[in-house]
Amino acid sequence: MLAMQDRMNQRVHPQWIDQQYEWYRAVWIECGELMDHQGYKWWKKQDTDLEQVQLEVVDIWHFGMSALFAAGKSHEAIAAEMLAELENSEQKSTDVLTATEALASHSLVSRSFSVALFRDLLLAVGLDFVTLYRQYVGKNVLNFFRQDHGYKDGSYIKTWAGKEDNVHLVEVLTELDSDAADFADQVYAALASRYPGE
């Protein structure tokens, strides 16, 4: 996933690591979006949209992984640091909103990303690292699809046939075999078959 994220970030800016983007800011903003899908407004009726909550977790993972990169640090070194953090922290069982707030708070205060707090959120929304991988590949492909279809210049159409692209992605992922060797290519082709004008 680190290699895939690096490729995606290079697509947006070839020297993305040197830009020192505020990845932590994207993390806590995505946490806010997650809370909207989860529902926190006691003053009105809200239903949790679990699929969208889980997609927000995947978005957080994109930005969180990006925050861990540093010039000259290999993917393997980052992965080893991530595993060490997980091994040296106690897993906390908590509800979705509390886990989201803990991760957002850490991001704001430290201006960094905590893999351990992310794990707590991941488990709170009913995912694990295996299902995260499947959904991450799907969202990574969607991000490439967006770039290929004008996301950066503003010409990309985000809603097709009355549904946002993330909803199309969820539907596509349920139709495909994530164990297939060409899973990422299948996701891209399925999105393309639904996209207007393809």
N, C-alpha and C. Protein backbone atom coordinates (compact mmCIF):
# COMPACT_ATOMS: atom_id res chain seq x y z
N MET A 1 0.83 -1.19 0.00
CA MET A 1 0.00 0.00 0.00
C MET A 1 0.87 1.26 0.00
N LEU A 2 2.01 1.20 0.69
CA LEU A 2 2.92 2.35 0.68
C LEU A 2 3.42 2.66 -0.72
N ALA A 3 3.77 1.60 -1.46
CA ALA A 3 4.23 1.80 -2.84
C ALA A 3 3.12 2.38 -3.70
N MET A 4 1.90 1.89 -3.54
CA MET A 4 0.77 2.41 -4.30
C MET A 4 0.51 3.87 -3.96
N GLN A 5 0.60 4.21 -2.68
CA GLN A 5 0.36 5.59 -2.26
C GLN A 5 1.44 6.52 -2.81
N ASP A 6 2.67 6.05 -2.79
CA ASP A 6 3.77 6.84 -3.33
C ASP A 6 3.53 7.13 -4.82
N ARG A 7 3.10 6.10 -5.57
CA ARG A 7 2.82 6.31 -7.00
C ARG A 7 1.69 7.32 -7.21
N MET A 8 0.64 7.23 -6.38
CA MET A 8 -0.48 8.16 -6.51
C MET A 8 -0.02 9.58 -6.21
N ASN A 9 0.74 9.74 -5.14
CA ASN A 9 1.20 11.08 -4.77
C ASN A 9 2.14 11.66 -5.82
N GLN A 10 2.96 10.80 -6.44
CA GLN A 10 3.84 11.26 -7.52
C GLN A 10 3.02 11.73 -8.71
N ARG A 11 1.87 11.13 -8.90
CA ARG A 11 0.98 11.53 -10.01
C ARG A 11 0.50 12.97 -9.81
N VAL A 12 0.24 13.33 -8.56
CA VAL A 12 -0.22 14.68 -8.25
C VAL A 12 0.94 15.67 -8.30
N HIS A 13 2.09 15.27 -7.74
CA HIS A 13 3.30 16.12 -7.79
C HIS A 13 4.52 15.20 -7.73
N PRO A 14 5.36 15.21 -8.78
CA PRO A 14 6.51 14.30 -8.83
C PRO A 14 7.44 14.37 -7.62
N GLN A 15 7.61 15.52 -7.02
CA GLN A 15 8.45 15.67 -5.84
C GLN A 15 7.57 15.92 -4.60
N TRP A 16 6.56 15.11 -4.44
CA TRP A 16 5.55 15.35 -3.40
C TRP A 16 6.13 15.33 -1.98
N ILE A 17 7.13 14.48 -1.74
CA ILE A 17 7.69 14.39 -0.39
C ILE A 17 8.36 15.71 0.00
N ASP A 18 9.05 16.33 -0.95
CA ASP A 18 9.75 17.59 -0.67
C ASP A 18 8.79 18.75 -0.44
N GLN A 19 7.54 18.61 -0.82
CA GLN A 19 6.57 19.70 -0.68
C GLN A 19 6.13 19.88 0.77
N GLN A 20 6.31 18.87 1.59
CA GLN A 20 5.92 18.91 3.01
C GLN A 20 4.48 19.36 3.19
N TYR A 21 3.59 18.70 2.45
CA TYR A 21 2.17 18.99 2.57
C TYR A 21 1.68 18.68 3.98
N GLU A 22 0.63 19.34 4.40
CA GLU A 22 0.07 19.15 5.73
C GLU A 22 -0.88 17.96 5.73
N TRP A 23 -0.35 16.76 5.65
CA TRP A 23 -1.16 15.55 5.59
C TRP A 23 -2.03 15.39 6.84
N TYR A 24 -1.49 15.83 7.98
CA TYR A 24 -2.25 15.72 9.23
C TYR A 24 -3.57 16.48 9.12
N ARG A 25 -3.56 17.60 8.39
CA ARG A 25 -4.78 18.41 8.23
C ARG A 25 -5.83 17.63 7.45
N ALA A 26 -5.40 16.95 6.41
CA ALA A 26 -6.33 16.13 5.63
C ALA A 26 -6.89 15.00 6.49
N VAL A 27 -6.07 14.46 7.39
CA VAL A 27 -6.53 13.38 8.28
C VAL A 27 -7.69 13.87 9.14
N TRP A 28 -7.52 15.00 9.83
CA TRP A 28 -8.59 15.41 10.74
C TRP A 28 -9.83 15.91 10.00
N ILE A 29 -9.64 16.48 8.81
CA ILE A 29 -10.81 16.88 8.00
C ILE A 29 -11.60 15.63 7.60
N GLU A 30 -10.90 14.58 7.18
CA GLU A 30 -11.57 13.32 6.83
C GLU A 30 -12.27 12.72 8.05
N CYS A 31 -11.68 12.92 9.22
CA CYS A 31 -12.34 12.45 10.45
C CYS A 31 -13.69 13.15 10.62
N GLY A 32 -13.75 14.44 10.32
CA GLY A 32 -15.00 15.18 10.40
C GLY A 32 -16.03 14.64 9.41
N GLU A 33 -15.58 14.33 8.19
CA GLU A 33 -16.47 13.76 7.19
C GLU A 33 -17.00 12.40 7.64
N LEU A 34 -16.12 11.61 8.24
CA LEU A 34 -16.52 10.30 8.76
C LEU A 34 -17.64 10.48 9.80
N MET A 35 -17.48 11.44 10.68
CA MET A 35 -18.47 11.65 11.74
C MET A 35 -19.83 12.03 11.15
N ASP A 36 -19.83 12.78 10.06
CA ASP A 36 -21.10 13.11 9.40
C ASP A 36 -21.80 11.85 8.90
N HIS A 37 -21.04 10.92 8.33
CA HIS A 37 -21.64 9.66 7.84
C HIS A 37 -22.04 8.74 8.99
N GLN A 38 -21.32 8.82 10.10
CA GLN A 38 -21.65 8.00 11.27
C GLN A 38 -22.91 8.54 11.95
N GLY A 39 -22.98 9.85 12.02
CA GLY A 39 -24.11 10.49 12.69
C GLY A 39 -23.76 10.83 14.12
N TYR A 40 -23.85 12.08 14.46
CA TYR A 40 -23.56 12.53 15.82
C TYR A 40 -24.57 13.56 16.30
N LYS A 41 -25.49 13.97 15.42
CA LYS A 41 -26.42 15.06 15.73
C LYS A 41 -27.61 14.51 16.50
N TRP A 42 -27.61 14.77 17.78
CA TRP A 42 -28.69 14.28 18.63
C TRP A 42 -29.99 15.04 18.39
N TRP A 43 -29.91 16.19 17.72
CA TRP A 43 -31.08 17.03 17.54
C TRP A 43 -31.88 16.71 16.28
N LYS A 44 -31.42 15.70 15.51
CA LYS A 44 -32.18 15.30 14.34
C LYS A 44 -31.97 13.82 14.05
N LYS A 45 -32.89 13.22 13.29
CA LYS A 45 -32.77 11.80 12.94
C LYS A 45 -31.61 11.62 11.98
N GLN A 46 -30.76 10.66 12.29
CA GLN A 46 -29.64 10.32 11.42
C GLN A 46 -29.47 8.81 11.39
N ASP A 47 -29.14 8.29 10.22
CA ASP A 47 -28.84 6.88 10.07
C ASP A 47 -27.37 6.76 9.66
N THR A 48 -26.68 5.82 10.26
CA THR A 48 -25.28 5.58 9.91
C THR A 48 -25.19 4.98 8.52
N ASP A 49 -24.32 5.54 7.71
CA ASP A 49 -24.02 4.99 6.38
C ASP A 49 -22.66 4.29 6.51
N LEU A 50 -22.70 3.02 6.93
CA LEU A 50 -21.47 2.30 7.27
C LEU A 50 -20.51 2.20 6.09
N GLU A 51 -21.02 2.00 4.87
CA GLU A 51 -20.12 1.90 3.73
C GLU A 51 -19.36 3.20 3.52
N GLN A 52 -20.03 4.34 3.70
CA GLN A 52 -19.34 5.62 3.55
C GLN A 52 -18.40 5.89 4.72
N VAL A 53 -18.79 5.46 5.91
CA VAL A 53 -17.89 5.57 7.08
C VAL A 53 -16.60 4.82 6.78
N GLN A 54 -16.73 3.60 6.28
CA GLN A 54 -15.55 2.79 5.99
C GLN A 54 -14.71 3.40 4.87
N LEU A 55 -15.36 4.01 3.87
CA LEU A 55 -14.59 4.68 2.81
C LEU A 55 -13.83 5.88 3.36
N GLU A 56 -14.41 6.58 4.32
CA GLU A 56 -13.68 7.69 4.95
C GLU A 56 -12.45 7.18 5.70
N VAL A 57 -12.58 6.01 6.32
CA VAL A 57 -11.43 5.40 7.00
C VAL A 57 -10.32 5.12 5.98
N VAL A 58 -10.71 4.64 4.81
CA VAL A 58 -9.73 4.37 3.75
C VAL A 58 -9.08 5.68 3.30
N ASP A 59 -9.87 6.75 3.18
CA ASP A 59 -9.31 8.06 2.82
C ASP A 59 -8.31 8.51 3.89
N ILE A 60 -8.65 8.33 5.14
CA ILE A 60 -7.74 8.69 6.23
C ILE A 60 -6.43 7.92 6.09
N TRP A 61 -6.52 6.65 5.73
CA TRP A 61 -5.33 5.81 5.56
C TRP A 61 -4.43 6.36 4.46
N HIS A 62 -5.02 6.82 3.35
CA HIS A 62 -4.24 7.43 2.27
C HIS A 62 -3.40 8.59 2.82
N PHE A 63 -4.06 9.50 3.52
CA PHE A 63 -3.36 10.68 4.02
C PHE A 63 -2.41 10.33 5.17
N GLY A 64 -2.83 9.39 6.00
CA GLY A 64 -1.98 8.98 7.11
C GLY A 64 -0.69 8.34 6.64
N MET A 65 -0.79 7.43 5.69
CA MET A 65 0.43 6.83 5.15
C MET A 65 1.32 7.91 4.54
N SER A 66 0.73 8.84 3.81
CA SER A 66 1.50 9.90 3.17
C SER A 66 2.28 10.72 4.20
N ALA A 67 1.67 10.91 5.36
CA ALA A 67 2.32 11.69 6.42
C ALA A 67 3.57 11.01 6.96
N LEU A 68 3.69 9.71 6.76
CA LEU A 68 4.81 8.96 7.32
C LEU A 68 6.05 8.96 6.42
N PHE A 69 5.89 9.41 5.19
CA PHE A 69 7.02 9.44 4.27
C PHE A 69 7.98 10.56 4.63
N ALA A 70 9.25 10.33 4.40
CA ALA A 70 10.29 11.34 4.56
C ALA A 70 11.35 11.09 3.50
N ALA A 71 11.99 12.15 3.07
CA ALA A 71 13.01 12.03 2.03
C ALA A 71 14.06 11.00 2.44
N GLY A 72 14.36 10.09 1.53
CA GLY A 72 15.38 9.08 1.76
C GLY A 72 14.94 7.87 2.56
N LYS A 73 13.69 7.84 3.03
CA LYS A 73 13.20 6.70 3.81
C LYS A 73 12.49 5.72 2.89
N SER A 74 12.90 4.47 2.93
CA SER A 74 12.32 3.45 2.05
C SER A 74 10.93 3.02 2.53
N HIS A 75 10.19 2.43 1.61
CA HIS A 75 8.88 1.87 1.96
C HIS A 75 9.04 0.82 3.07
N GLU A 76 10.08 0.03 2.97
CA GLU A 76 10.32 -1.02 3.97
C GLU A 76 10.58 -0.44 5.36
N ALA A 77 11.34 0.66 5.40
CA ALA A 77 11.63 1.30 6.68
C ALA A 77 10.36 1.88 7.30
N ILE A 78 9.51 2.48 6.46
CA ILE A 78 8.24 3.03 6.96
C ILE A 78 7.36 1.90 7.48
N ALA A 79 7.28 0.82 6.72
CA ALA A 79 6.46 -0.33 7.14
C ALA A 79 6.96 -0.89 8.47
N ALA A 80 8.27 -0.97 8.65
CA ALA A 80 8.83 -1.48 9.91
C ALA A 80 8.46 -0.56 11.07
N GLU A 81 8.50 0.75 10.85
CA GLU A 81 8.10 1.70 11.90
C GLU A 81 6.62 1.55 12.23
N MET A 82 5.80 1.35 11.21
CA MET A 82 4.36 1.17 11.43
C MET A 82 4.10 -0.07 12.28
N LEU A 83 4.75 -1.17 11.92
CA LEU A 83 4.58 -2.42 12.68
C LEU A 83 5.07 -2.27 14.11
N ALA A 84 6.19 -1.58 14.29
CA ALA A 84 6.72 -1.38 15.64
C ALA A 84 5.74 -0.57 16.49
N GLU A 85 5.13 0.45 15.90
CA GLU A 85 4.15 1.24 16.66
C GLU A 85 2.97 0.37 17.07
N LEU A 86 2.49 -0.47 16.16
CA LEU A 86 1.36 -1.35 16.48
C LEU A 86 1.73 -2.35 17.57
N GLU A 87 2.92 -2.91 17.48
CA GLU A 87 3.35 -3.91 18.46
C GLU A 87 3.58 -3.30 19.84
N ASN A 88 3.93 -2.01 19.88
CA ASN A 88 4.24 -1.36 21.15
C ASN A 88 3.09 -0.54 21.72
N SER A 89 1.90 -0.77 21.19
CA SER A 89 0.74 -0.03 21.72
C SER A 89 -0.39 -1.01 22.01
N GLU A 90 -1.15 -0.69 23.01
CA GLU A 90 -2.27 -1.54 23.39
C GLU A 90 -3.48 -1.18 22.54
N GLN A 91 -4.09 -2.19 21.98
CA GLN A 91 -5.30 -1.97 21.19
C GLN A 91 -6.44 -1.54 22.11
N LYS A 92 -7.13 -0.46 21.73
CA LYS A 92 -8.23 0.05 22.54
C LYS A 92 -9.55 -0.26 21.86
N SER A 93 -10.45 -0.88 22.59
CA SER A 93 -11.80 -1.14 22.10
C SER A 93 -12.64 0.07 22.43
N THR A 94 -13.20 0.71 21.41
CA THR A 94 -13.96 1.92 21.64
C THR A 94 -15.01 2.07 20.54
N ASP A 95 -15.89 3.04 20.71
CA ASP A 95 -16.91 3.28 19.69
C ASP A 95 -16.32 4.15 18.58
N VAL A 96 -17.05 4.25 17.48
CA VAL A 96 -16.55 4.93 16.29
C VAL A 96 -16.25 6.40 16.56
N LEU A 97 -17.19 7.11 17.17
CA LEU A 97 -16.98 8.54 17.38
C LEU A 97 -15.80 8.83 18.30
N THR A 98 -15.66 8.07 19.36
CA THR A 98 -14.53 8.27 20.29
C THR A 98 -13.20 7.96 19.61
N ALA A 99 -13.15 6.89 18.84
CA ALA A 99 -11.93 6.54 18.11
C ALA A 99 -11.58 7.61 17.08
N THR A 100 -12.60 8.14 16.42
CA THR A 100 -12.39 9.19 15.42
C THR A 100 -11.84 10.45 16.08
N GLU A 101 -12.43 10.82 17.20
CA GLU A 101 -11.97 12.01 17.92
C GLU A 101 -10.54 11.85 18.42
N ALA A 102 -10.19 10.66 18.88
CA ALA A 102 -8.82 10.42 19.36
C ALA A 102 -7.81 10.60 18.24
N LEU A 103 -8.13 10.06 17.06
CA LEU A 103 -7.22 10.19 15.92
C LEU A 103 -7.15 11.64 15.45
N ALA A 104 -8.29 12.31 15.36
CA ALA A 104 -8.31 13.71 14.92
C ALA A 104 -7.54 14.58 15.90
N SER A 105 -7.75 14.37 17.19
CA SER A 105 -7.06 15.15 18.21
C SER A 105 -5.55 14.97 18.12
N HIS A 106 -5.13 13.72 17.98
CA HIS A 106 -3.69 13.43 17.85
C HIS A 106 -3.12 14.14 16.62
N SER A 107 -3.84 14.09 15.52
CA SER A 107 -3.37 14.73 14.29
C SER A 107 -3.21 16.23 14.46
N LEU A 108 -4.19 16.85 15.13
CA LEU A 108 -4.13 18.29 15.34
C LEU A 108 -3.00 18.69 16.29
N VAL A 109 -2.86 17.96 17.37
CA VAL A 109 -1.86 18.33 18.38
C VAL A 109 -0.45 18.03 17.92
N SER A 110 -0.24 16.85 17.36
CA SER A 110 1.12 16.43 17.00
C SER A 110 1.50 16.77 15.56
N ARG A 111 0.50 17.12 14.75
CA ARG A 111 0.71 17.35 13.31
C ARG A 111 1.39 16.15 12.66
N SER A 112 0.93 14.98 13.07
CA SER A 112 1.45 13.72 12.54
C SER A 112 0.32 12.70 12.49
N PHE A 113 0.69 11.45 12.28
CA PHE A 113 -0.30 10.38 12.14
C PHE A 113 0.07 9.23 13.05
N SER A 114 -0.92 8.71 13.76
CA SER A 114 -0.71 7.57 14.65
C SER A 114 -1.32 6.32 14.04
N VAL A 115 -0.48 5.37 13.71
CA VAL A 115 -0.96 4.10 13.15
C VAL A 115 -1.77 3.34 14.20
N ALA A 116 -1.36 3.43 15.46
CA ALA A 116 -2.07 2.72 16.53
C ALA A 116 -3.48 3.27 16.73
N LEU A 117 -3.62 4.59 16.74
CA LEU A 117 -4.96 5.18 16.87
C LEU A 117 -5.81 4.89 15.63
N PHE A 118 -5.16 4.85 14.47
CA PHE A 118 -5.87 4.48 13.26
C PHE A 118 -6.40 3.04 13.37
N ARG A 119 -5.56 2.13 13.88
CA ARG A 119 -6.00 0.74 14.06
C ARG A 119 -7.25 0.67 14.93
N ASP A 120 -7.27 1.46 15.99
CA ASP A 120 -8.44 1.47 16.87
C ASP A 120 -9.70 1.92 16.11
N LEU A 121 -9.55 2.93 15.27
CA LEU A 121 -10.67 3.39 14.45
C LEU A 121 -11.06 2.33 13.43
N LEU A 122 -10.08 1.73 12.79
CA LEU A 122 -10.33 0.68 11.81
C LEU A 122 -11.20 -0.43 12.40
N LEU A 123 -10.82 -0.89 13.57
CA LEU A 123 -11.58 -1.97 14.22
C LEU A 123 -12.95 -1.49 14.68
N ALA A 124 -13.05 -0.24 15.11
CA ALA A 124 -14.33 0.30 15.57
C ALA A 124 -15.37 0.36 14.46
N VAL A 125 -14.91 0.55 13.21
CA VAL A 125 -15.86 0.61 12.09
C VAL A 125 -16.08 -0.76 11.44
N GLY A 126 -15.54 -1.80 12.06
CA GLY A 126 -15.79 -3.15 11.57
C GLY A 126 -14.87 -3.63 10.47
N LEU A 127 -13.71 -3.00 10.34
CA LEU A 127 -12.72 -3.42 9.35
C LEU A 127 -11.52 -4.03 10.06
N ASP A 128 -10.67 -4.68 9.29
CA ASP A 128 -9.36 -5.12 9.78
C ASP A 128 -8.37 -4.79 8.67
N PHE A 129 -7.12 -5.14 8.85
CA PHE A 129 -6.12 -4.76 7.85
C PHE A 129 -6.29 -5.51 6.52
N VAL A 130 -6.89 -6.68 6.56
CA VAL A 130 -7.14 -7.41 5.31
C VAL A 130 -8.22 -6.71 4.50
N THR A 131 -9.34 -6.37 5.14
CA THR A 131 -10.41 -5.67 4.41
C THR A 131 -9.99 -4.25 4.05
N LEU A 132 -9.15 -3.64 4.88
CA LEU A 132 -8.63 -2.32 4.55
C LEU A 132 -7.85 -2.38 3.23
N TYR A 133 -7.04 -3.41 3.08
CA TYR A 133 -6.25 -3.56 1.85
C TYR A 133 -7.17 -3.60 0.63
N ARG A 134 -8.21 -4.40 0.70
CA ARG A 134 -9.14 -4.54 -0.43
C ARG A 134 -9.76 -3.19 -0.77
N GLN A 135 -10.24 -2.50 0.25
CA GLN A 135 -10.88 -1.21 0.00
C GLN A 135 -9.87 -0.14 -0.40
N TYR A 136 -8.66 -0.24 0.15
CA TYR A 136 -7.62 0.71 -0.23
C TYR A 136 -7.30 0.59 -1.71
N VAL A 137 -7.14 -0.63 -2.20
CA VAL A 137 -6.84 -0.82 -3.63
C VAL A 137 -7.94 -0.17 -4.46
N GLY A 138 -9.19 -0.42 -4.08
CA GLY A 138 -10.31 0.17 -4.81
C GLY A 138 -10.24 1.69 -4.82
N LYS A 139 -10.02 2.30 -3.68
CA LYS A 139 -9.99 3.77 -3.60
C LYS A 139 -8.76 4.33 -4.30
N ASN A 140 -7.65 3.61 -4.25
CA ASN A 140 -6.45 4.04 -4.95
C ASN A 140 -6.72 4.06 -6.46
N VAL A 141 -7.39 3.04 -6.94
CA VAL A 141 -7.74 2.99 -8.37
C VAL A 141 -8.68 4.14 -8.71
N LEU A 142 -9.67 4.39 -7.85
CA LEU A 142 -10.58 5.52 -8.09
C LEU A 142 -9.81 6.84 -8.15
N ASN A 143 -8.82 7.00 -7.29
CA ASN A 143 -8.03 8.23 -7.32
C ASN A 143 -7.26 8.37 -8.63
N PHE A 144 -6.69 7.27 -9.14
CA PHE A 144 -6.04 7.32 -10.45
C PHE A 144 -7.06 7.62 -11.54
N PHE A 145 -8.24 6.99 -11.45
CA PHE A 145 -9.31 7.21 -12.41
C PHE A 145 -9.70 8.70 -12.43
N ARG A 146 -9.83 9.27 -11.25
CA ARG A 146 -10.17 10.70 -11.17
C ARG A 146 -9.10 11.54 -11.86
N GLN A 147 -7.83 11.26 -11.57
CA GLN A 147 -6.74 12.02 -12.19
C GLN A 147 -6.76 11.87 -13.71
N ASP A 148 -7.02 10.65 -14.19
CA ASP A 148 -7.07 10.40 -15.63
C ASP A 148 -8.23 11.11 -16.31
N HIS A 149 -9.24 11.47 -15.53
CA HIS A 149 -10.44 12.07 -16.12
C HIS A 149 -10.66 13.53 -15.68
N GLY A 150 -9.57 14.21 -15.33
CA GLY A 150 -9.65 15.65 -15.14
C GLY A 150 -9.87 16.17 -13.73
N TYR A 151 -9.57 15.36 -12.71
CA TYR A 151 -9.81 15.79 -11.32
C TYR A 151 -9.00 17.04 -10.98
N LYS A 152 -7.74 17.07 -11.43
CA LYS A 152 -6.86 18.18 -11.07
C LYS A 152 -7.26 19.48 -11.77
N ASP A 153 -7.75 19.39 -13.02
CA ASP A 153 -8.12 20.62 -13.73
C ASP A 153 -9.59 21.00 -13.56
N GLY A 154 -10.34 20.16 -12.83
CA GLY A 154 -11.73 20.49 -12.52
C GLY A 154 -12.76 19.98 -13.51
N SER A 155 -12.34 19.19 -14.50
CA SER A 155 -13.30 18.71 -15.50
C SER A 155 -13.91 17.34 -15.15
N TYR A 156 -13.45 16.75 -14.08
CA TYR A 156 -13.97 15.44 -13.68
C TYR A 156 -15.41 15.56 -13.22
N ILE A 157 -16.24 14.59 -13.60
CA ILE A 157 -17.64 14.53 -13.17
C ILE A 157 -17.70 13.57 -11.99
N LYS A 158 -18.07 14.08 -10.82
CA LYS A 158 -18.03 13.25 -9.61
C LYS A 158 -19.32 12.46 -9.39
N THR A 159 -20.43 12.92 -9.94
CA THR A 159 -21.70 12.24 -9.78
C THR A 159 -22.19 11.75 -11.14
N TRP A 160 -22.42 10.44 -11.24
CA TRP A 160 -22.91 9.84 -12.48
C TRP A 160 -24.15 9.04 -12.17
N ALA A 161 -25.09 9.11 -13.08
CA ALA A 161 -26.34 8.35 -12.93
C ALA A 161 -26.95 8.55 -11.55
N GLY A 162 -26.83 9.77 -11.04
CA GLY A 162 -27.43 10.11 -9.75
C GLY A 162 -26.69 9.61 -8.53
N LYS A 163 -25.46 9.06 -8.71
CA LYS A 163 -24.69 8.54 -7.58
C LYS A 163 -23.28 9.10 -7.62
N GLU A 164 -22.74 9.44 -6.43
CA GLU A 164 -21.36 9.90 -6.33
C GLU A 164 -20.42 8.75 -6.69
N ASP A 165 -19.23 9.08 -7.17
CA ASP A 165 -18.27 8.06 -7.61
C ASP A 165 -17.92 7.07 -6.50
N ASN A 166 -17.89 7.53 -5.24
CA ASN A 166 -17.61 6.62 -4.13
C ASN A 166 -18.68 5.53 -4.02
N VAL A 167 -19.92 5.87 -4.31
CA VAL A 167 -21.01 4.89 -4.26
C VAL A 167 -20.83 3.87 -5.39
N HIS A 168 -20.47 4.37 -6.57
CA HIS A 168 -20.17 3.45 -7.68
C HIS A 168 -19.04 2.50 -7.29
N LEU A 169 -18.01 3.04 -6.63
CA LEU A 169 -16.88 2.22 -6.22
C LEU A 169 -17.32 1.10 -5.28
N VAL A 170 -18.14 1.44 -4.28
CA VAL A 170 -18.64 0.42 -3.35
C VAL A 170 -19.36 -0.69 -4.11
N GLU A 171 -20.19 -0.31 -5.06
CA GLU A 171 -20.92 -1.31 -5.85
C GLU A 171 -19.97 -2.18 -6.66
N VAL A 172 -18.98 -1.55 -7.28
CA VAL A 172 -18.00 -2.28 -8.09
C VAL A 172 -17.22 -3.27 -7.22
N LEU A 173 -16.80 -2.83 -6.04
CA LEU A 173 -16.00 -3.70 -5.17
C LEU A 173 -16.78 -4.95 -4.73
N THR A 174 -18.09 -4.83 -4.58
CA THR A 174 -18.88 -5.99 -4.18
C THR A 174 -19.05 -6.98 -5.32
N GLU A 175 -18.84 -6.53 -6.55
CA GLU A 175 -19.03 -7.39 -7.72
C GLU A 175 -17.76 -8.13 -8.14
N LEU A 176 -16.61 -7.70 -7.65
CA LEU A 176 -15.34 -8.24 -8.14
C LEU A 176 -14.63 -9.09 -7.09
N ASP A 177 -13.73 -9.95 -7.56
CA ASP A 177 -12.94 -10.81 -6.69
C ASP A 177 -11.62 -10.11 -6.35
N SER A 178 -11.46 -9.71 -5.11
CA SER A 178 -10.26 -8.97 -4.71
C SER A 178 -9.00 -9.84 -4.71
N ASP A 179 -9.17 -11.16 -4.80
CA ASP A 179 -8.01 -12.04 -4.85
C ASP A 179 -7.47 -12.22 -6.27
N ALA A 180 -8.19 -11.69 -7.25
CA ALA A 180 -7.75 -11.80 -8.65
C ALA A 180 -6.44 -11.03 -8.84
N ALA A 181 -5.55 -11.59 -9.64
CA ALA A 181 -4.25 -10.96 -9.88
C ALA A 181 -4.42 -9.58 -10.53
N ASP A 182 -5.47 -9.41 -11.31
CA ASP A 182 -5.69 -8.14 -12.00
C ASP A 182 -6.83 -7.34 -11.36
N PHE A 183 -7.01 -7.50 -10.05
CA PHE A 183 -8.10 -6.84 -9.33
C PHE A 183 -8.12 -5.33 -9.60
N ALA A 184 -6.99 -4.66 -9.47
CA ALA A 184 -6.94 -3.21 -9.68
C ALA A 184 -7.37 -2.85 -11.10
N ASP A 185 -6.92 -3.62 -12.09
CA ASP A 185 -7.32 -3.36 -13.48
C ASP A 185 -8.82 -3.57 -13.67
N GLN A 186 -9.37 -4.58 -13.00
CA GLN A 186 -10.81 -4.84 -13.10
C GLN A 186 -11.61 -3.69 -12.50
N VAL A 187 -11.14 -3.15 -11.38
CA VAL A 187 -11.83 -2.02 -10.75
C VAL A 187 -11.83 -0.83 -11.70
N TYR A 188 -10.68 -0.54 -12.29
CA TYR A 188 -10.57 0.59 -13.20
C TYR A 188 -11.52 0.41 -14.39
N ALA A 189 -11.52 -0.79 -14.98
CA ALA A 189 -12.38 -1.05 -16.14
C ALA A 189 -13.85 -0.93 -15.77
N ALA A 190 -14.22 -1.40 -14.59
CA ALA A 190 -15.63 -1.32 -14.15
C ALA A 190 -16.04 0.13 -13.95
N LEU A 191 -15.15 0.94 -13.37
CA LEU A 191 -15.47 2.37 -13.22
C LEU A 191 -15.61 3.03 -14.58
N ALA A 192 -14.69 2.71 -15.48
CA ALA A 192 -14.73 3.29 -16.82
C ALA A 192 -16.02 2.94 -17.55
N SER A 193 -16.50 1.71 -17.35
CA SER A 193 -17.73 1.28 -18.03
C SER A 193 -18.96 2.05 -17.53
N ARG A 194 -18.87 2.62 -16.33
CA ARG A 194 -19.98 3.37 -15.76
C ARG A 194 -19.87 4.87 -16.00
N TYR A 195 -18.66 5.34 -16.27
CA TYR A 195 -18.41 6.78 -16.35
C TYR A 195 -19.02 7.36 -17.63
N PRO A 196 -19.68 8.53 -17.52
CA PRO A 196 -20.30 9.14 -18.70
C PRO A 196 -19.27 9.44 -19.79
N GLY A 197 -19.61 9.09 -21.01
CA GLY A 197 -18.77 9.41 -22.14
C GLY A 197 -17.67 8.40 -22.44
N GLU A 198 -17.57 7.34 -21.64
CA GLU A 198 -16.53 6.33 -21.89
C GLU A 198 -17.00 5.37 -22.95
